Amino acid sequence: MPSDQNAIATAPALPGTTPDQTYRETVGHELRSPLTVIRTALDTVTDDLAQTSISPEMVHMLEIALRNTRRLEEAVDRHLQELEQAHVRAAAAESNLPD
């Protein structure tokens, strides 16, 4: 059974993209998709808290989970942006190399 890591490493480059771009896009998708599902579920549950009868401790735990999911989404976005910026800097430096 192939692992997700293997699928990321072997994803074919899309037309008009480099293998590096495809890798970054695939990693971004693999990290963001589950976080989006988790955040959406937590948003839905916390939006309906007024109509439910769960304990204050459970409300607190859901709020913590939602807050930390948002923090993780921000961290993923920040690191992917840093990776993209490093790639752009490396490409610029490579293009300035003498022939």
PDB file of N, CA and C in Angstrom:
ATOM      1  N   MET A   1       0.846  -1.174   0.000  1.00  0.00           N
ATOM      2  CA  MET A   1       0.000   0.000   0.000  1.00  0.00           C
ATOM      3  C   MET A   1       0.894   1.240   0.000  1.00  0.00           C
ATOM      4  N   PRO A   2       0.734   2.175  -1.001  1.00  0.00           N
ATOM      5  CA  PRO A   2       1.592   3.356  -1.050  1.00  0.00           C
ATOM      6  C   PRO A   2       1.240   4.330   0.066  1.00  0.00           C
ATOM      7  N   SER A   3       2.271   4.960   0.601  1.00  0.00           N
ATOM      8  CA  SER A   3       2.046   5.943   1.655  1.00  0.00           C
ATOM      9  C   SER A   3       1.748   7.304   1.036  1.00  0.00           C
ATOM     10  N   ASP A   4       1.158   8.199   1.837  1.00  0.00           N
ATOM     11  CA  ASP A   4       0.902   9.556   1.371  1.00  0.00           C
ATOM     12  C   ASP A   4       2.208  10.253   1.019  1.00  0.00           C
ATOM     13  N   GLN A   5       3.252  10.001   1.796  1.00  0.00           N
ATOM     14  CA  GLN A   5       4.547  10.612   1.526  1.00  0.00           C
ATOM     15  C   GLN A   5       5.067  10.180   0.162  1.00  0.00           C
ATOM     16  N   ASN A   6       4.905   8.905  -0.184  1.00  0.00           N
ATOM     17  CA  ASN A   6       5.324   8.407  -1.483  1.00  0.00           C
ATOM     18  C   ASN A   6       4.514   9.066  -2.589  1.00  0.00           C
ATOM     19  N   ALA A   7       3.218   9.248  -2.369  1.00  0.00           N
ATOM     20  CA  ALA A   7       2.359   9.885  -3.368  1.00  0.00           C
ATOM     21  C   ALA A   7       2.797  11.320  -3.606  1.00  0.00           C
ATOM     22  N   ILE A   8       3.187  12.020  -2.559  1.00  0.00           N
ATOM     23  CA  ILE A   8       3.653  13.399  -2.710  1.00  0.00           C
ATOM     24  C   ILE A   8       4.955  13.426  -3.492  1.00  0.00           C
ATOM     25  N   ALA A   9       5.861  12.544  -3.151  1.00  0.00           N
ATOM     26  CA  ALA A   9       7.175  12.545  -3.789  1.00  0.00           C
ATOM     27  C   ALA A   9       7.107  12.165  -5.259  1.00  0.00           C
ATOM     28  N   THR A  10       6.107  11.394  -5.647  1.00  0.00           N
ATOM     29  CA  THR A  10       6.050  10.912  -7.022  1.00  0.00           C
ATOM     30  C   THR A  10       4.957  11.578  -7.853  1.00  0.00           C
ATOM     31  N   ALA A  11       4.342  12.634  -7.319  1.00  0.00           N
ATOM     32  CA  ALA A  11       3.277  13.311  -8.070  1.00  0.00           C
ATOM     33  C   ALA A  11       3.862  13.867  -9.371  1.00  0.00           C
ATOM     34  N   PRO A  12       3.212  13.585 -10.518  1.00  0.00           N
ATOM     35  CA  PRO A  12       3.740  14.093 -11.786  1.00  0.00           C
ATOM     36  C   PRO A  12       3.569  15.606 -11.865  1.00  0.00           C
ATOM     37  N   ALA A  13       4.524  16.256 -12.513  1.00  0.00           N
ATOM     38  CA  ALA A  13       4.443  17.702 -12.709  1.00  0.00           C
ATOM     39  C   ALA A  13       3.282  18.010 -13.638  1.00  0.00           C
ATOM     40  N   LEU A  14       2.532  19.024 -13.301  1.00  0.00           N
ATOM     41  CA  LEU A  14       1.429  19.449 -14.139  1.00  0.00           C
ATOM     42  C   LEU A  14       1.968  20.209 -15.338  1.00  0.00           C
ATOM     43  N   PRO A  15       1.245  20.213 -16.458  1.00  0.00           N
ATOM     44  CA  PRO A  15       1.724  20.969 -17.615  1.00  0.00           C
ATOM     45  C   PRO A  15       1.958  22.434 -17.241  1.00  0.00           C
ATOM     46  N   GLY A  16       3.090  22.964 -17.650  1.00  0.00           N
ATOM     47  CA  GLY A  16       3.421  24.358 -17.372  1.00  0.00           C
ATOM     48  C   GLY A  16       3.992  24.601 -15.992  1.00  0.00           C
ATOM     49  N   THR A  17       4.246  23.533 -15.229  1.00  0.00           N
ATOM     50  CA  THR A  17       4.841  23.695 -13.902  1.00  0.00           C
ATOM     51  C   THR A  17       6.090  22.839 -13.797  1.00  0.00           C
ATOM     52  N   THR A  18       6.937  23.214 -12.875  1.00  0.00           N
ATOM     53  CA  THR A  18       8.137  22.426 -12.619  1.00  0.00           C
ATOM     54  C   THR A  18       7.816  21.371 -11.560  1.00  0.00           C
ATOM     55  N   PRO A  19       8.642  20.353 -11.455  1.00  0.00           N
ATOM     56  CA  PRO A  19       8.428  19.368 -10.385  1.00  0.00           C
ATOM     57  C   PRO A  19       8.438  20.009  -8.997  1.00  0.00           C
ATOM     58  N   ASP A  20       9.285  21.040  -8.795  1.00  0.00           N
ATOM     59  CA  ASP A  20       9.305  21.736  -7.501  1.00  0.00           C
ATOM     60  C   ASP A  20       7.963  22.404  -7.210  1.00  0.00           C
ATOM     61  N   GLN A  21       7.396  23.068  -8.215  1.00  0.00           N
ATOM     62  CA  GLN A  21       6.100  23.721  -8.027  1.00  0.00           C
ATOM     63  C   GLN A  21       5.023  22.682  -7.705  1.00  0.00           C
ATOM     64  N   THR A  22       5.035  21.593  -8.447  1.00  0.00           N
ATOM     65  CA  THR A  22       4.048  20.538  -8.223  1.00  0.00           C
ATOM     66  C   THR A  22       4.189  19.975  -6.813  1.00  0.00           C
ATOM     67  N   TYR A  23       5.415  19.773  -6.364  1.00  0.00           N
ATOM     68  CA  TYR A  23       5.655  19.268  -5.016  1.00  0.00           C
ATOM     69  C   TYR A  23       5.085  20.224  -3.968  1.00  0.00           C
ATOM     70  N   ARG A  24       5.402  21.521  -4.097  1.00  0.00           N
ATOM     71  CA  ARG A  24       4.913  22.509  -3.131  1.00  0.00           C
ATOM     72  C   ARG A  24       3.386  22.571  -3.135  1.00  0.00           C
ATOM     73  N   GLU A  25       2.792  22.519  -4.319  1.00  0.00           N
ATOM     74  CA  GLU A  25       1.325  22.556  -4.410  1.00  0.00           C
ATOM     75  C   GLU A  25       0.704  21.301  -3.799  1.00  0.00           C
ATOM     76  N   THR A  26       1.321  20.154  -4.038  1.00  0.00           N
ATOM     77  CA  THR A  26       0.806  18.896  -3.487  1.00  0.00           C
ATOM     78  C   THR A  26       0.923  18.884  -1.969  1.00  0.00           C
ATOM     79  N   VAL A  27       2.065  19.316  -1.452  1.00  0.00           N
ATOM     80  CA  VAL A  27       2.249  19.374   0.002  1.00  0.00           C
ATOM     81  C   VAL A  27       1.235  20.342   0.607  1.00  0.00           C
ATOM     82  N   GLY A  28       1.058  21.493  -0.022  1.00  0.00           N
ATOM     83  CA  GLY A  28       0.082  22.454   0.465  1.00  0.00           C
ATOM     84  C   GLY A  28      -1.314  21.858   0.522  1.00  0.00           C
ATOM     85  N   HIS A  29      -1.686  21.159  -0.535  1.00  0.00           N
ATOM     86  CA  HIS A  29      -3.003  20.522  -0.584  1.00  0.00           C
ATOM     87  C   HIS A  29      -3.130  19.446   0.493  1.00  0.00           C
ATOM     88  N   GLU A  30      -2.108  18.620   0.633  1.00  0.00           N
ATOM     89  CA  GLU A  30      -2.133  17.530   1.611  1.00  0.00           C
ATOM     90  C   GLU A  30      -2.212  18.047   3.047  1.00  0.00           C
ATOM     91  N   LEU A  31      -1.645  19.214   3.307  1.00  0.00           N
ATOM     92  CA  LEU A  31      -1.699  19.782   4.656  1.00  0.00           C
ATOM     93  C   LEU A  31      -2.973  20.589   4.886  1.00  0.00           C
ATOM     94  N   ARG A  32      -3.378  21.341   3.880  1.00  0.00           N
ATOM     95  CA  ARG A  32      -4.532  22.228   4.065  1.00  0.00           C
ATOM     96  C   ARG A  32      -5.871  21.490   4.051  1.00  0.00           C
ATOM     97  N   SER A  33      -6.011  20.494   3.207  1.00  0.00           N
ATOM     98  CA  SER A  33      -7.317  19.824   3.067  1.00  0.00           C
ATOM     99  C   SER A  33      -7.837  19.241   4.380  1.00  0.00           C
ATOM    100  N   PRO A  34      -7.050  18.440   5.103  1.00  0.00           N
ATOM    101  CA  PRO A  34      -7.577  17.905   6.365  1.00  0.00           C
ATOM    102  C   PRO A  34      -7.842  19.007   7.392  1.00  0.00           C
ATOM    103  N   LEU A  35      -6.995  20.035   7.404  1.00  0.00           N
ATOM    104  CA  LEU A  35      -7.223  21.135   8.338  1.00  0.00           C
ATOM    105  C   LEU A  35      -8.521  21.873   8.028  1.00  0.00           C
ATOM    106  N   THR A  36      -8.815  22.037   6.754  1.00  0.00           N
ATOM    107  CA  THR A  36     -10.054  22.707   6.358  1.00  0.00           C
ATOM    108  C   THR A  36     -11.265  21.898   6.808  1.00  0.00           C
ATOM    109  N   VAL A  37     -11.196  20.596   6.643  1.00  0.00           N
ATOM    110  CA  VAL A  37     -12.307  19.733   7.069  1.00  0.00           C
ATOM    111  C   VAL A  37     -12.490  19.825   8.587  1.00  0.00           C
ATOM    112  N   ILE A  38     -11.396  19.762   9.319  1.00  0.00           N
ATOM    113  CA  ILE A  38     -11.471  19.844  10.783  1.00  0.00           C
ATOM    114  C   ILE A  38     -12.031  21.198  11.209  1.00  0.00           C
ATOM    115  N   ARG A  39     -11.500  22.283  10.628  1.00  0.00           N
ATOM    116  CA  ARG A  39     -11.973  23.618  11.001  1.00  0.00           C
ATOM    117  C   ARG A  39     -13.444  23.799  10.671  1.00  0.00           C
ATOM    118  N   THR A  40     -13.860  23.335   9.500  1.00  0.00           N
ATOM    119  CA  THR A  40     -15.265  23.466   9.111  1.00  0.00           C
ATOM    120  C   THR A  40     -16.170  22.720  10.084  1.00  0.00           C
ATOM    121  N   ALA A  41     -15.773  21.520  10.466  1.00  0.00           N
ATOM    122  CA  ALA A  41     -16.574  20.750  11.431  1.00  0.00           C
ATOM    123  C   ALA A  41     -16.626  21.463  12.777  1.00  0.00           C
ATOM    124  N   LEU A  42     -15.483  21.967  13.226  1.00  0.00           N
ATOM    125  CA  LEU A  42     -15.457  22.674  14.506  1.00  0.00           C
ATOM    126  C   LEU A  42     -16.260  23.968  14.441  1.00  0.00           C
ATOM    127  N   ASP A  43     -16.168  24.692  13.322  1.00  0.00           N
ATOM    128  CA  ASP A  43     -16.974  25.909  13.144  1.00  0.00           C
ATOM    129  C   ASP A  43     -18.455  25.580  13.234  1.00  0.00           C
ATOM    130  N   THR A  44     -18.856  24.518  12.570  1.00  0.00           N
ATOM    131  CA  THR A  44     -20.270  24.117  12.567  1.00  0.00           C
ATOM    132  C   THR A  44     -20.732  23.757  13.974  1.00  0.00           C
ATOM    133  N   VAL A  45     -19.930  22.980  14.667  1.00  0.00           N
ATOM    134  CA  VAL A  45     -20.297  22.573  16.035  1.00  0.00           C
ATOM    135  C   VAL A  45     -20.335  23.781  16.962  1.00  0.00           C
ATOM    136  N   THR A  46     -19.331  24.644  16.900  1.00  0.00           N
ATOM    137  CA  THR A  46     -19.301  25.784  17.822  1.00  0.00           C
ATOM    138  C   THR A  46     -20.380  26.812  17.478  1.00  0.00           C
ATOM    139  N   ASP A  47     -20.753  26.916  16.207  1.00  0.00           N
ATOM    140  CA  ASP A  47     -21.846  27.825  15.839  1.00  0.00           C
ATOM    141  C   ASP A  47     -23.176  27.367  16.433  1.00  0.00           C
ATOM    142  N   ASP A  48     -23.325  26.056  16.643  1.00  0.00           N
ATOM    143  CA  ASP A  48     -24.570  25.495  17.155  1.00  0.00           C
ATOM    144  C   ASP A  48     -24.558  25.282  18.670  1.00  0.00           C
ATOM    145  N   LEU A  49     -23.554  25.800  19.358  1.00  0.00           N
ATOM    146  CA  LEU A  49     -23.442  25.544  20.794  1.00  0.00           C
ATOM    147  C   LEU A  49     -24.615  26.113  21.578  1.00  0.00           C
ATOM    148  N   ALA A  50     -25.189  27.219  21.133  1.00  0.00           N
ATOM    149  CA  ALA A  50     -26.300  27.831  21.863  1.00  0.00           C
ATOM    150  C   ALA A  50     -27.530  26.912  21.872  1.00  0.00           C
ATOM    151  N   GLN A  51     -27.639  26.067  20.856  1.00  0.00           N
ATOM    152  CA  GLN A  51     -28.811  25.183  20.769  1.00  0.00           C
ATOM    153  C   GLN A  51     -28.549  23.788  21.341  1.00  0.00           C
ATOM    154  N   THR A  52     -27.385  23.587  21.937  1.00  0.00           N
ATOM    155  CA  THR A  52     -27.072  22.264  22.484  1.00  0.00           C
ATOM    156  C   THR A  52     -26.924  22.345  23.993  1.00  0.00           C
ATOM    157  N   SER A  53     -26.920  21.207  24.601  1.00  0.00           N
ATOM    158  CA  SER A  53     -26.767  21.168  26.061  1.00  0.00           C
ATOM    159  C   SER A  53     -25.521  20.368  26.420  1.00  0.00           C
ATOM    160  N   ILE A  54     -24.377  20.902  26.030  1.00  0.00           N
ATOM    161  CA  ILE A  54     -23.133  20.241  26.414  1.00  0.00           C
ATOM    162  C   ILE A  54     -22.496  21.018  27.561  1.00  0.00           C
ATOM    163  N   SER A  55     -21.626  20.360  28.251  1.00  0.00           N
ATOM    164  CA  SER A  55     -21.024  20.942  29.445  1.00  0.00           C
ATOM    165  C   SER A  55     -20.106  22.114  29.084  1.00  0.00           C
ATOM    166  N   PRO A  56     -19.912  23.024  30.019  1.00  0.00           N
ATOM    167  CA  PRO A  56     -18.975  24.130  29.794  1.00  0.00           C
ATOM    168  C   PRO A  56     -17.558  23.635  29.504  1.00  0.00           C
ATOM    169  N   GLU A  57     -17.182  22.513  30.106  1.00  0.00           N
ATOM    170  CA  GLU A  57     -15.851  21.949  29.841  1.00  0.00           C
ATOM    171  C   GLU A  57     -15.722  21.521  28.374  1.00  0.00           C
ATOM    172  N   MET A  58     -16.800  20.929  27.835  1.00  0.00           N
ATOM    173  CA  MET A  58     -16.787  20.508  26.435  1.00  0.00           C
ATOM    174  C   MET A  58     -16.739  21.732  25.514  1.00  0.00           C
ATOM    175  N   VAL A  59     -17.484  22.763  25.856  1.00  0.00           N
ATOM    176  CA  VAL A  59     -17.448  24.009  25.078  1.00  0.00           C
ATOM    177  C   VAL A  59     -16.030  24.551  25.064  1.00  0.00           C
ATOM    178  N   HIS A  60     -15.397  24.559  26.224  1.00  0.00           N
ATOM    179  CA  HIS A  60     -14.021  25.051  26.333  1.00  0.00           C
ATOM    180  C   HIS A  60     -13.069  24.216  25.468  1.00  0.00           C
ATOM    181  N   MET A  61     -13.216  22.900  25.504  1.00  0.00           N
ATOM    182  CA  MET A  61     -12.360  22.025  24.694  1.00  0.00           C
ATOM    183  C   MET A  61     -12.572  22.269  23.196  1.00  0.00           C
ATOM    184  N   LEU A  62     -13.816  22.459  22.783  1.00  0.00           N
ATOM    185  CA  LEU A  62     -14.097  22.746  21.364  1.00  0.00           C
ATOM    186  C   LEU A  62     -13.485  24.076  20.946  1.00  0.00           C
ATOM    187  N   GLU A  63     -13.581  25.073  21.811  1.00  0.00           N
ATOM    188  CA  GLU A  63     -12.991  26.370  21.503  1.00  0.00           C
ATOM    189  C   GLU A  63     -11.476  26.277  21.385  1.00  0.00           C
ATOM    190  N   ILE A  64     -10.854  25.505  22.256  1.00  0.00           N
ATOM    191  CA  ILE A  64      -9.403  25.292  22.184  1.00  0.00           C
ATOM    192  C   ILE A  64      -9.045  24.589  20.874  1.00  0.00           C
ATOM    193  N   ALA A  65      -9.799  23.558  20.528  1.00  0.00           N
ATOM    194  CA  ALA A  65      -9.532  22.828  19.282  1.00  0.00           C
ATOM    195  C   ALA A  65      -9.666  23.749  18.078  1.00  0.00           C
ATOM    196  N   LEU A  66     -10.691  24.575  18.049  1.00  0.00           N
ATOM    197  CA  LEU A  66     -10.889  25.494  16.937  1.00  0.00           C
ATOM    198  C   LEU A  66      -9.765  26.520  16.872  1.00  0.00           C
ATOM    199  N   ARG A  67      -9.409  27.091  18.000  1.00  0.00           N
ATOM    200  CA  ARG A  67      -8.334  28.088  18.045  1.00  0.00           C
ATOM    201  C   ARG A  67      -7.005  27.483  17.566  1.00  0.00           C
ATOM    202  N   ASN A  68      -6.710  26.268  18.011  1.00  0.00           N
ATOM    203  CA  ASN A  68      -5.447  25.638  17.614  1.00  0.00           C
ATOM    204  C   ASN A  68      -5.465  25.167  16.163  1.00  0.00           C
ATOM    205  N   THR A  69      -6.617  24.807  15.657  1.00  0.00           N
ATOM    206  CA  THR A  69      -6.721  24.466  14.233  1.00  0.00           C
ATOM    207  C   THR A  69      -6.423  25.696  13.387  1.00  0.00           C
ATOM    208  N   ARG A  70      -6.966  26.830  13.794  1.00  0.00           N
ATOM    209  CA  ARG A  70      -6.685  28.084  13.070  1.00  0.00           C
ATOM    210  C   ARG A  70      -5.204  28.434  13.147  1.00  0.00           C
ATOM    211  N   ARG A  71      -4.593  28.238  14.320  1.00  0.00           N
ATOM    212  CA  ARG A  71      -3.152  28.499  14.464  1.00  0.00           C
ATOM    213  C   ARG A  71      -2.340  27.594  13.544  1.00  0.00           C
ATOM    214  N   LEU A  72      -2.731  26.333  13.467  1.00  0.00           N
ATOM    215  CA  LEU A  72      -2.024  25.398  12.605  1.00  0.00           C
ATOM    216  C   LEU A  72      -2.193  25.770  11.127  1.00  0.00           C
ATOM    217  N   GLU A  73      -3.390  26.196  10.740  1.00  0.00           N
ATOM    218  CA  GLU A  73      -3.602  26.655   9.364  1.00  0.00           C
ATOM    219  C   GLU A  73      -2.701  27.847   9.050  1.00  0.00           C
ATOM    220  N   GLU A  74      -2.612  28.779   9.972  1.00  0.00           N
ATOM    221  CA  GLU A  74      -1.751  29.952   9.769  1.00  0.00           C
ATOM    222  C   GLU A  74      -0.287  29.543   9.671  1.00  0.00           C
ATOM    223  N   ALA A  75       0.142  28.603  10.488  1.00  0.00           N
ATOM    224  CA  ALA A  75       1.529  28.135  10.447  1.00  0.00           C
ATOM    225  C   ALA A  75       1.829  27.444   9.120  1.00  0.00           C
ATOM    226  N   VAL A  76       0.917  26.602   8.651  1.00  0.00           N
ATOM    227  CA  VAL A  76       1.103  25.926   7.364  1.00  0.00           C
ATOM    228  C   VAL A  76       1.206  26.965   6.259  1.00  0.00           C
ATOM    229  N   ASP A  77       0.285  27.928   6.246  1.00  0.00           N
ATOM    230  CA  ASP A  77       0.321  28.966   5.216  1.00  0.00           C
ATOM    231  C   ASP A  77       1.621  29.756   5.267  1.00  0.00           C
ATOM    232  N   ARG A  78       2.054  30.111   6.474  1.00  0.00           N
ATOM    233  CA  ARG A  78       3.286  30.885   6.636  1.00  0.00           C
ATOM    234  C   ARG A  78       4.499  30.089   6.129  1.00  0.00           C
ATOM    235  N   HIS A  79       4.578  28.821   6.494  1.00  0.00           N
ATOM    236  CA  HIS A  79       5.726  28.013   6.079  1.00  0.00           C
ATOM    237  C   HIS A  79       5.710  27.748   4.569  1.00  0.00           C
ATOM    238  N   LEU A  80       4.551  27.534   4.007  1.00  0.00           N
ATOM    239  CA  LEU A  80       4.478  27.341   2.557  1.00  0.00           C
ATOM    240  C   LEU A  80       4.848  28.613   1.818  1.00  0.00           C
ATOM    241  N   GLN A  81       4.448  29.752   2.363  1.00  0.00           N
ATOM    242  CA  GLN A  81       4.824  31.031   1.743  1.00  0.00           C
ATOM    243  C   GLN A  81       6.337  31.235   1.837  1.00  0.00           C
ATOM    244  N   GLU A  82       6.926  30.901   2.977  1.00  0.00           N
ATOM    245  CA  GLU A  82       8.378  30.999   3.131  1.00  0.00           C
ATOM    246  C   GLU A  82       9.094  30.066   2.154  1.00  0.00           C
ATOM    247  N   LEU A  83       8.559  28.875   1.971  1.00  0.00           N
ATOM    248  CA  LEU A  83       9.140  27.927   1.020  1.00  0.00           C
ATOM    249  C   LEU A  83       9.082  28.494  -0.400  1.00  0.00           C
ATOM    250  N   GLU A  84       7.953  29.082  -0.749  1.00  0.00           N
ATOM    251  CA  GLU A  84       7.805  29.685  -2.078  1.00  0.00           C
ATOM    252  C   GLU A  84       8.774  30.849  -2.249  1.00  0.00           C
ATOM    253  N   GLN A  85       8.905  31.687  -1.247  1.00  0.00           N
ATOM    254  CA  GLN A  85       9.829  32.816  -1.328  1.00  0.00           C
ATOM    255  C   GLN A  85      11.275  32.335  -1.464  1.00  0.00           C
ATOM    256  N   ALA A  86      11.635  31.290  -0.750  1.00  0.00           N
ATOM    257  CA  ALA A  86      12.988  30.733  -0.863  1.00  0.00           C
ATOM    258  C   ALA A  86      13.214  30.193  -2.269  1.00  0.00           C
ATOM    259  N   HIS A  87      12.204  29.571  -2.844  1.00  0.00           N
ATOM    260  CA  HIS A  87      12.316  29.059  -4.205  1.00  0.00           C
ATOM    261  C   HIS A  87      12.510  30.215  -5.191  1.00  0.00           C
ATOM    262  N   VAL A  88      11.761  31.288  -5.021  1.00  0.00           N
ATOM    263  CA  VAL A  88      11.882  32.454  -5.912  1.00  0.00           C
ATOM    264  C   VAL A  88      13.273  33.059  -5.779  1.00  0.00           C
ATOM    265  N   ARG A  89      13.774  33.189  -4.545  1.00  0.00           N
ATOM    266  CA  ARG A  89      15.131  33.736  -4.345  1.00  0.00           C
ATOM    267  C   ARG A  89      16.182  32.836  -4.998  1.00  0.00           C
ATOM    268  N   ALA A  90      16.028  31.532  -4.839  1.00  0.00           N
ATOM    269  CA  ALA A  90      16.995  30.598  -5.435  1.00  0.00           C
ATOM    270  C   ALA A  90      16.953  30.673  -6.957  1.00  0.00           C
ATOM    271  N   ALA A  91      15.761  30.776  -7.526  1.00  0.00           N
ATOM    272  CA  ALA A  91      15.639  30.885  -8.977  1.00  0.00           C
ATOM    273  C   ALA A  91      16.253  32.183  -9.476  1.00  0.00           C
ATOM    274  N   ALA A  92      16.055  33.272  -8.740  1.00  0.00           N
ATOM    275  CA  ALA A  92      16.645  34.564  -9.114  1.00  0.00           C
ATOM    276  C   ALA A  92      18.154  34.502  -9.040  1.00  0.00           C
ATOM    277  N   ALA A  93      18.677  33.888  -7.993  1.00  0.00           N
ATOM    278  CA  ALA A  93      20.137  33.768  -7.845  1.00  0.00           C
ATOM    279  C   ALA A  93      20.706  32.895  -8.941  1.00  0.00           C
ATOM    280  N   GLU A  94      19.995  31.835  -9.294  1.00  0.00           N
ATOM    281  CA  GLU A  94      20.452  30.934 -10.371  1.00  0.00           C
ATOM    282  C   GLU A  94      20.477  31.656 -11.708  1.00  0.00           C
ATOM    283  N   SER A  95      19.500  32.513 -11.948  1.00  0.00           N
ATOM    284  CA  SER A  95      19.443  33.214 -13.227  1.00  0.00           C
ATOM    285  C   SER A  95      20.525  34.282 -13.334  1.00  0.00           C
ATOM    286  N   ASN A  96      21.097  34.685 -12.196  1.00  0.00           N
ATOM    287  CA  ASN A  96      22.160  35.680 -12.208  1.00  0.00           C
ATOM    288  C   ASN A  96      23.541  35.072 -12.280  1.00  0.00           C
ATOM    289  N   LEU A  97      23.622  33.744 -12.326  1.00  0.00           N
ATOM    290  CA  LEU A  97      24.932  33.087 -12.419  1.00  0.00           C
ATOM    291  C   LEU A  97      25.527  33.308 -13.806  1.00  0.00           C
ATOM    292  N   PRO A  98      26.825  33.500 -13.863  1.00  0.00           N
ATOM    293  CA  PRO A  98      27.443  33.649 -15.191  1.00  0.00           C
ATOM    294  C   PRO A  98      27.404  32.327 -15.952  1.00  0.00           C
ATOM    295  N   ASP A  99      27.332  32.421 -17.266  1.00  0.00           N
ATOM    296  CA  ASP A  99      27.291  31.215 -18.109  1.00  0.00           C
ATOM    297  C   ASP A  99      28.593  30.488 -18.139  1.00  0.00           C
TER     298      ASP A  99
END
